[in-house]
N, C-alpha and C. Protein backbone atom coordinates (compact mmCIF):
# COMPACT_ATOMS: atom_id res chain seq x y z
N MET A 1 -30.45 -175.95 -199.93
CA MET A 1 -29.51 -175.21 -201.63
C MET A 1 -28.35 -176.27 -200.89
N THR A 2 -27.42 -176.76 -202.64
CA THR A 2 -26.28 -177.15 -202.12
C THR A 2 -25.07 -176.40 -202.39
N GLY A 3 -23.92 -176.67 -201.65
CA GLY A 3 -22.58 -176.27 -201.11
C GLY A 3 -22.07 -174.98 -202.20
N ASP A 4 -22.57 -175.76 -203.66
CA ASP A 4 -22.12 -174.92 -205.01
C ASP A 4 -22.90 -173.85 -205.34
N GLU A 5 -24.33 -173.98 -204.88
CA GLU A 5 -25.25 -172.68 -204.54
C GLU A 5 -24.61 -171.94 -203.93
N ILE A 6 -24.15 -172.40 -202.50
CA ILE A 6 -24.02 -171.34 -201.44
C ILE A 6 -22.74 -170.55 -202.06
N ARG A 7 -21.81 -171.12 -202.55
CA ARG A 7 -20.48 -170.68 -203.00
C ARG A 7 -20.10 -169.78 -204.26
N GLU A 8 -21.11 -170.16 -204.98
CA GLU A 8 -21.69 -168.48 -205.92
C GLU A 8 -23.07 -167.77 -205.11
N MET A 9 -23.73 -167.46 -204.26
CA MET A 9 -23.85 -167.14 -203.62
C MET A 9 -23.09 -166.16 -202.73
N ILE A 10 -22.48 -166.65 -202.23
CA ILE A 10 -21.48 -165.48 -201.65
C ILE A 10 -20.16 -165.20 -202.46
N LYS A 11 -19.87 -165.52 -203.47
CA LYS A 11 -19.21 -165.27 -204.36
C LYS A 11 -20.21 -163.71 -204.64
N ASN A 12 -21.18 -163.93 -205.23
CA ASN A 12 -22.10 -162.69 -205.90
C ASN A 12 -22.16 -161.64 -204.66
N ASP A 13 -22.18 -161.74 -203.85
CA ASP A 13 -22.77 -161.17 -202.93
C ASP A 13 -21.76 -160.63 -202.19
N PHE A 14 -20.17 -161.13 -202.17
CA PHE A 14 -19.86 -160.56 -201.25
C PHE A 14 -18.14 -160.66 -201.85
N GLY A 15 -18.24 -161.19 -202.81
CA GLY A 15 -16.49 -161.23 -204.13
C GLY A 15 -15.68 -162.20 -203.07
N VAL A 16 -16.40 -163.09 -202.62
CA VAL A 16 -15.17 -164.09 -201.99
C VAL A 16 -15.58 -165.43 -202.53
N ASP A 17 -14.28 -166.11 -202.73
CA ASP A 17 -14.59 -167.70 -204.01
C ASP A 17 -13.79 -168.60 -202.67
N LEU A 18 -14.90 -169.13 -201.71
CA LEU A 18 -14.59 -170.44 -200.92
C LEU A 18 -14.49 -171.64 -201.61
N PRO A 19 -13.53 -172.27 -201.01
CA PRO A 19 -13.40 -173.81 -201.91
C PRO A 19 -14.20 -174.85 -201.00
N ILE A 20 -15.48 -174.19 -201.68
CA ILE A 20 -16.47 -175.45 -200.63
C ILE A 20 -17.43 -175.99 -201.92
N SER A 21 -18.11 -177.15 -201.64
CA SER A 21 -18.84 -178.11 -202.46
C SER A 21 -19.69 -178.68 -202.12
N GLY A 22 -20.51 -179.92 -202.31
CA GLY A 22 -21.31 -180.81 -201.85
C GLY A 22 -22.84 -180.52 -200.99
N GLY A 23 -23.43 -181.03 -199.84
CA GLY A 23 -24.37 -180.65 -199.05
C GLY A 23 -24.48 -179.61 -198.51
N SER A 24 -25.21 -178.80 -198.29
CA SER A 24 -26.17 -177.82 -197.36
C SER A 24 -25.51 -177.53 -195.92
N GLY A 25 -24.75 -178.84 -195.65
CA GLY A 25 -23.93 -178.25 -194.10
C GLY A 25 -24.78 -178.31 -192.93
N THR A 26 -26.13 -178.75 -193.29
CA THR A 26 -26.80 -178.50 -191.99
C THR A 26 -27.21 -180.15 -191.10
N ARG A 27 -26.93 -181.08 -192.20
CA ARG A 27 -27.03 -182.45 -191.79
C ARG A 27 -25.70 -182.93 -191.66
N LEU A 28 -25.67 -183.78 -190.73
CA LEU A 28 -24.51 -184.84 -190.59
C LEU A 28 -24.81 -185.35 -191.98
N HIS A 29 -24.99 -185.89 -192.36
CA HIS A 29 -25.36 -186.53 -193.81
C HIS A 29 -25.02 -185.90 -195.04
N ASP A 30 -25.37 -184.94 -194.84
CA ASP A 30 -25.72 -183.62 -195.85
C ASP A 30 -24.17 -182.53 -196.07
N ALA A 31 -22.73 -182.94 -195.16
CA ALA A 31 -22.34 -181.95 -195.09
C ALA A 31 -21.66 -180.93 -196.19
N LEU A 32 -20.81 -180.24 -195.70
CA LEU A 32 -20.49 -178.99 -196.84
C LEU A 32 -18.94 -179.45 -196.97
N THR A 33 -18.37 -179.76 -197.96
CA THR A 33 -17.04 -180.27 -198.14
C THR A 33 -15.97 -178.80 -198.16
N ILE A 34 -14.85 -178.89 -197.61
CA ILE A 34 -14.42 -178.14 -197.46
C ILE A 34 -12.86 -178.74 -198.62
N HIS A 35 -12.41 -177.68 -199.61
CA HIS A 35 -11.86 -178.67 -200.26
C HIS A 35 -10.65 -177.90 -199.87
N ARG A 36 -8.94 -178.32 -199.67
CA ARG A 36 -7.96 -178.15 -199.08
C ARG A 36 -6.67 -178.37 -199.97
N THR A 37 -5.86 -177.27 -199.59
CA THR A 37 -4.83 -177.52 -200.27
C THR A 37 -3.68 -177.42 -199.08
N GLU A 38 -2.48 -177.67 -199.42
CA GLU A 38 -1.31 -178.21 -198.51
C GLU A 38 -0.88 -176.37 -198.10
N GLY A 39 -0.96 -176.06 -196.61
CA GLY A 39 -1.18 -174.86 -196.16
C GLY A 39 -2.34 -174.21 -195.89
N SER A 40 -3.46 -174.93 -196.14
CA SER A 40 -4.88 -174.53 -196.07
C SER A 40 -5.39 -174.46 -194.75
N ASN A 41 -6.04 -174.03 -194.17
CA ASN A 41 -7.00 -174.21 -192.84
C ASN A 41 -8.17 -174.51 -193.08
N ALA A 42 -8.55 -175.65 -192.90
CA ALA A 42 -10.46 -175.65 -192.81
C ALA A 42 -10.83 -174.81 -191.72
N ALA A 43 -10.25 -174.94 -190.52
CA ALA A 43 -11.11 -173.83 -189.57
C ALA A 43 -10.65 -172.91 -190.24
N ALA A 44 -10.00 -171.77 -191.04
CA ALA A 44 -10.44 -170.38 -191.68
C ALA A 44 -11.63 -170.38 -192.52
N ILE A 45 -11.69 -171.60 -193.20
CA ILE A 45 -12.45 -171.12 -194.36
C ILE A 45 -13.81 -171.62 -194.00
N GLU A 46 -13.94 -172.48 -192.78
CA GLU A 46 -15.17 -172.64 -191.97
C GLU A 46 -15.83 -171.54 -191.37
N HIS A 47 -15.09 -170.91 -191.07
CA HIS A 47 -15.37 -169.61 -190.82
C HIS A 47 -15.75 -168.31 -191.05
N ALA A 48 -14.88 -168.29 -192.29
CA ALA A 48 -15.49 -167.73 -193.47
C ALA A 48 -16.73 -167.70 -194.02
N TYR A 49 -16.66 -168.83 -194.02
CA TYR A 49 -18.40 -169.20 -194.29
C TYR A 49 -19.55 -168.91 -193.50
N LEU A 50 -18.93 -169.22 -191.84
CA LEU A 50 -20.01 -168.55 -191.33
C LEU A 50 -20.06 -167.40 -191.01
N LYS A 51 -19.13 -166.72 -191.04
CA LYS A 51 -18.76 -165.33 -191.59
C LYS A 51 -20.04 -164.57 -192.54
N HIS A 52 -19.75 -164.74 -193.79
CA HIS A 52 -20.20 -164.39 -195.08
C HIS A 52 -21.83 -164.72 -194.90
N ILE A 53 -22.18 -165.80 -194.48
CA ILE A 53 -23.55 -166.83 -194.08
C ILE A 53 -24.58 -165.75 -193.03
N GLY A 54 -23.58 -165.39 -192.02
CA GLY A 54 -24.40 -164.55 -191.12
C GLY A 54 -24.38 -162.63 -191.54
N LEU A 55 -23.56 -162.60 -192.23
CA LEU A 55 -23.72 -161.55 -192.92
C LEU A 55 -24.50 -161.08 -193.43
N GLY A 56 -24.91 -162.19 -194.30
CA GLY A 56 -26.34 -162.07 -195.12
C GLY A 56 -27.39 -162.48 -194.68
N ARG A 57 -27.39 -163.36 -193.94
CA ARG A 57 -28.84 -163.52 -192.34
C ARG A 57 -29.09 -162.22 -191.97
N GLY A 58 -27.88 -161.38 -191.82
CA GLY A 58 -28.21 -160.19 -190.48
C GLY A 58 -28.09 -160.62 -189.20
N ILE A 59 -27.20 -161.61 -188.82
CA ILE A 59 -27.06 -162.03 -187.46
C ILE A 59 -25.72 -161.84 -186.83
N VAL A 60 -25.46 -162.22 -185.94
CA VAL A 60 -24.01 -162.17 -185.44
C VAL A 60 -24.00 -163.78 -184.75
N TRP A 61 -22.49 -164.10 -185.06
CA TRP A 61 -22.75 -165.61 -184.33
C TRP A 61 -21.23 -165.52 -183.39
N GLN A 62 -21.73 -166.69 -182.70
CA GLN A 62 -20.51 -167.01 -181.57
C GLN A 62 -20.36 -168.74 -181.55
N VAL A 63 -19.16 -168.96 -181.84
CA VAL A 63 -18.81 -170.15 -181.87
C VAL A 63 -19.23 -171.19 -180.37
N MET A 64 -20.09 -171.99 -180.28
CA MET A 64 -20.52 -172.29 -178.63
C MET A 64 -19.54 -173.80 -178.74
N GLU A 65 -19.20 -174.70 -179.51
CA GLU A 65 -18.44 -175.96 -179.70
C GLU A 65 -17.95 -176.89 -181.27
N GLN A 66 -16.95 -177.09 -181.22
CA GLN A 66 -16.67 -177.25 -182.30
C GLN A 66 -15.95 -179.05 -181.90
N ALA A 67 -16.37 -179.85 -183.22
CA ALA A 67 -15.32 -180.94 -182.48
C ALA A 67 -15.46 -181.77 -183.85
N LEU A 68 -14.59 -183.05 -183.95
CA LEU A 68 -14.34 -183.37 -185.19
C LEU A 68 -15.16 -185.16 -184.83
N VAL A 69 -16.20 -184.95 -185.84
CA VAL A 69 -16.64 -186.62 -185.62
C VAL A 69 -15.96 -187.37 -186.85
N TYR A 70 -16.58 -188.99 -186.67
CA TYR A 70 -16.59 -189.46 -188.01
C TYR A 70 -17.90 -190.04 -188.45
N HIS A 71 -17.91 -190.28 -189.57
CA HIS A 71 -19.15 -190.93 -189.87
C HIS A 71 -19.18 -191.17 -191.78
N GLU A 72 -19.46 -193.15 -191.41
CA GLU A 72 -18.94 -193.36 -192.74
C GLU A 72 -17.60 -192.38 -193.67
N ASP A 73 -16.78 -193.16 -192.59
CA ASP A 73 -15.15 -193.00 -193.09
C ASP A 73 -15.21 -191.64 -193.23
N ARG A 74 -15.85 -190.54 -193.03
CA ARG A 74 -15.47 -189.26 -193.43
C ARG A 74 -15.30 -188.66 -192.47
N ARG A 75 -14.15 -187.04 -192.17
CA ARG A 75 -14.23 -186.93 -191.04
C ARG A 75 -15.03 -185.65 -191.06
N ILE A 76 -15.29 -185.02 -189.90
CA ILE A 76 -16.29 -184.24 -190.34
C ILE A 76 -16.65 -183.44 -189.12
N ASP A 77 -16.11 -181.98 -189.67
CA ASP A 77 -15.85 -181.05 -188.17
C ASP A 77 -17.30 -180.82 -187.82
N ARG A 78 -17.64 -181.10 -186.89
CA ARG A 78 -19.48 -180.83 -186.34
C ARG A 78 -19.08 -178.94 -185.51
N VAL A 79 -19.85 -177.80 -185.97
CA VAL A 79 -19.51 -176.57 -185.30
C VAL A 79 -20.99 -176.44 -184.72
N THR A 80 -20.87 -175.80 -183.60
CA THR A 80 -22.21 -175.81 -183.09
C THR A 80 -22.23 -173.81 -182.69
N ILE A 81 -22.64 -173.12 -183.29
CA ILE A 81 -22.78 -172.09 -183.17
C ILE A 81 -24.28 -170.79 -182.40
N MET A 82 -24.23 -170.13 -181.73
CA MET A 82 -24.95 -169.56 -181.04
C MET A 82 -25.48 -168.17 -182.22
N ALA A 83 -26.62 -168.40 -182.82
CA ALA A 83 -26.76 -166.82 -183.68
C ALA A 83 -27.77 -166.61 -182.85
N LEU A 84 -27.33 -164.73 -183.19
CA LEU A 84 -28.31 -164.11 -182.58
C LEU A 84 -28.57 -162.78 -183.63
N TRP A 85 -30.15 -162.33 -183.39
CA TRP A 85 -30.61 -161.48 -184.07
C TRP A 85 -32.08 -160.97 -183.45
N TYR A 86 -32.18 -159.54 -184.04
CA TYR A 86 -33.53 -159.16 -183.18
C TYR A 86 -34.74 -159.05 -184.15
N GLU A 87 -35.87 -159.31 -183.80
CA GLU A 87 -36.82 -159.38 -184.34
C GLU A 87 -37.70 -158.57 -183.02
N GLY A 88 -37.90 -157.14 -184.05
CA GLY A 88 -38.43 -156.20 -183.71
C GLY A 88 -37.42 -155.66 -182.29
N GLU A 89 -37.87 -155.28 -181.25
CA GLU A 89 -37.15 -154.91 -179.74
C GLU A 89 -36.30 -156.36 -179.33
N ARG A 90 -36.92 -157.53 -179.85
CA ARG A 90 -37.20 -158.65 -179.29
C ARG A 90 -35.32 -159.31 -179.61
N LEU A 91 -34.75 -159.72 -178.85
CA LEU A 91 -33.32 -160.49 -179.02
C LEU A 91 -34.06 -162.05 -179.22
N VAL A 92 -33.61 -162.42 -180.45
CA VAL A 92 -33.65 -163.81 -180.24
C VAL A 92 -32.14 -165.03 -180.94
N ARG A 93 -31.81 -165.84 -179.65
CA ARG A 93 -30.84 -166.71 -179.84
C ARG A 93 -31.11 -167.89 -179.84
N GLN A 94 -30.50 -168.45 -181.05
CA GLN A 94 -30.68 -170.35 -181.17
C GLN A 94 -29.33 -170.81 -181.87
N GLU A 95 -29.33 -171.65 -180.94
CA GLU A 95 -28.32 -172.58 -181.18
C GLU A 95 -27.97 -173.17 -182.55
N GLU A 96 -27.50 -173.73 -183.58
CA GLU A 96 -27.06 -174.05 -184.92
C GLU A 96 -25.95 -174.70 -185.05
N THR A 97 -25.98 -176.07 -185.78
CA THR A 97 -25.02 -176.64 -186.49
C THR A 97 -24.75 -176.74 -187.34
N TYR A 98 -23.26 -177.04 -187.72
CA TYR A 98 -22.96 -177.00 -189.36
C TYR A 98 -22.03 -178.15 -189.53
N TYR A 99 -21.89 -178.61 -190.42
CA TYR A 99 -21.16 -179.82 -190.66
C TYR A 99 -20.41 -179.56 -191.84
N PHE A 100 -19.28 -179.96 -191.73
CA PHE A 100 -18.44 -179.94 -192.92
C PHE A 100 -16.74 -180.73 -192.72
N ASP A 101 -17.01 -181.32 -193.89
CA ASP A 101 -16.22 -182.55 -194.75
C ASP A 101 -15.06 -182.34 -194.44
N VAL A 102 -14.08 -182.34 -193.39
CA VAL A 102 -12.40 -182.30 -193.73
C VAL A 102 -11.50 -183.45 -194.29
N THR A 103 -12.33 -184.13 -194.49
CA THR A 103 -12.11 -185.59 -195.08
C THR A 103 -10.28 -185.52 -196.57
N PRO A 104 -9.11 -185.53 -195.45
CA PRO A 104 -8.10 -184.69 -197.14
C PRO A 104 -8.16 -186.27 -198.18
N SER A 105 -8.24 -184.73 -199.16
CA SER A 105 -8.62 -185.47 -200.98
C SER A 105 -7.07 -185.95 -201.29
N SER A 106 -7.08 -186.42 -202.23
CA SER A 106 -6.06 -186.37 -203.15
C SER A 106 -6.25 -185.57 -204.21
N ARG A 107 -6.94 -184.21 -204.14
CA ARG A 107 -7.04 -183.12 -205.01
C ARG A 107 -6.20 -182.30 -204.36
N THR A 108 -5.59 -182.04 -205.16
CA THR A 108 -4.49 -180.78 -204.70
C THR A 108 -4.13 -179.63 -205.80
N THR A 109 -3.79 -180.37 -207.54
CA THR A 109 -4.13 -179.31 -208.14
C THR A 109 -5.29 -178.64 -208.81
N ASP A 110 -6.49 -179.47 -208.60
CA ASP A 110 -7.53 -178.21 -208.87
C ASP A 110 -7.95 -176.94 -208.01
N ASP A 111 -7.32 -177.73 -206.81
CA ASP A 111 -8.40 -176.55 -205.59
C ASP A 111 -6.89 -175.59 -205.70
N ALA A 112 -7.99 -174.38 -205.32
CA ALA A 112 -7.12 -172.93 -205.30
C ALA A 112 -7.03 -172.94 -203.66
N PRO A 113 -5.78 -171.96 -203.85
CA PRO A 113 -5.17 -171.86 -201.35
C PRO A 113 -6.83 -170.72 -201.56
N PHE A 114 -7.52 -170.88 -200.19
CA PHE A 114 -8.09 -170.18 -200.23
C PHE A 114 -7.57 -168.35 -199.83
N ASN A 115 -8.48 -167.61 -199.93
CA ASN A 115 -7.68 -166.30 -199.74
C ASN A 115 -9.20 -165.52 -199.48
N PRO A 116 -8.88 -164.99 -198.51
CA PRO A 116 -10.28 -164.39 -198.19
C PRO A 116 -10.68 -163.08 -198.39
N ALA A 117 -9.52 -162.28 -199.64
CA ALA A 117 -9.97 -161.36 -200.24
C ALA A 117 -10.78 -161.33 -200.93
N PRO A 118 -11.76 -160.24 -201.44
CA PRO A 118 -12.88 -159.71 -202.57
C PRO A 118 -11.90 -160.59 -203.56
N ALA A 119 -12.57 -161.17 -204.57
CA ALA A 119 -12.56 -161.67 -206.11
C ALA A 119 -12.09 -160.61 -206.61
N SER A 120 -12.83 -159.16 -206.76
CA SER A 120 -12.08 -158.17 -207.53
C SER A 120 -11.42 -157.23 -206.87
N PRO A 121 -10.57 -156.43 -207.24
CA PRO A 121 -9.86 -155.65 -206.44
C PRO A 121 -10.81 -154.26 -206.05
N ARG A 122 -11.10 -153.61 -204.94
CA ARG A 122 -11.71 -152.76 -204.41
C ARG A 122 -11.06 -151.10 -204.58
N PRO A 123 -10.98 -150.23 -205.04
CA PRO A 123 -10.58 -149.19 -204.60
C PRO A 123 -9.75 -148.43 -203.94
N ALA A 124 -8.65 -148.33 -203.52
CA ALA A 124 -7.91 -147.95 -202.64
C ALA A 124 -8.49 -146.31 -202.17
N SER A 125 -8.22 -146.37 -200.93
CA SER A 125 -9.06 -145.37 -200.38
C SER A 125 -7.89 -143.89 -200.18
N PRO A 126 -8.25 -142.56 -200.41
CA PRO A 126 -7.64 -141.54 -200.70
C PRO A 126 -6.35 -140.81 -199.33
């Protein structure tokens, strides 16, 4: 699944449009690209991505390690999580690593700032 497909899935399922594209994010050479503008925070976008992927999968997760690595002139944020879910009564723990390309981009006018609010307004509670 590509970053654009994941972006559409999150937008359709949760009403959140994350500024992402590129690869699947599951391998170093297939990193998910984070599109930042001045004032946006790559880590917040990464965590929103992990949150919504986790909700879609029905898991909870915790960051175990985060490190900036360099690959082919790209700045890659490597995030390792511990994913937890139940299979029947058995608790499953699985370490997973995600790769986010956070290389600064010359794109500034095309990128919308990240807003974690849903794309469509929800009715106010009485």
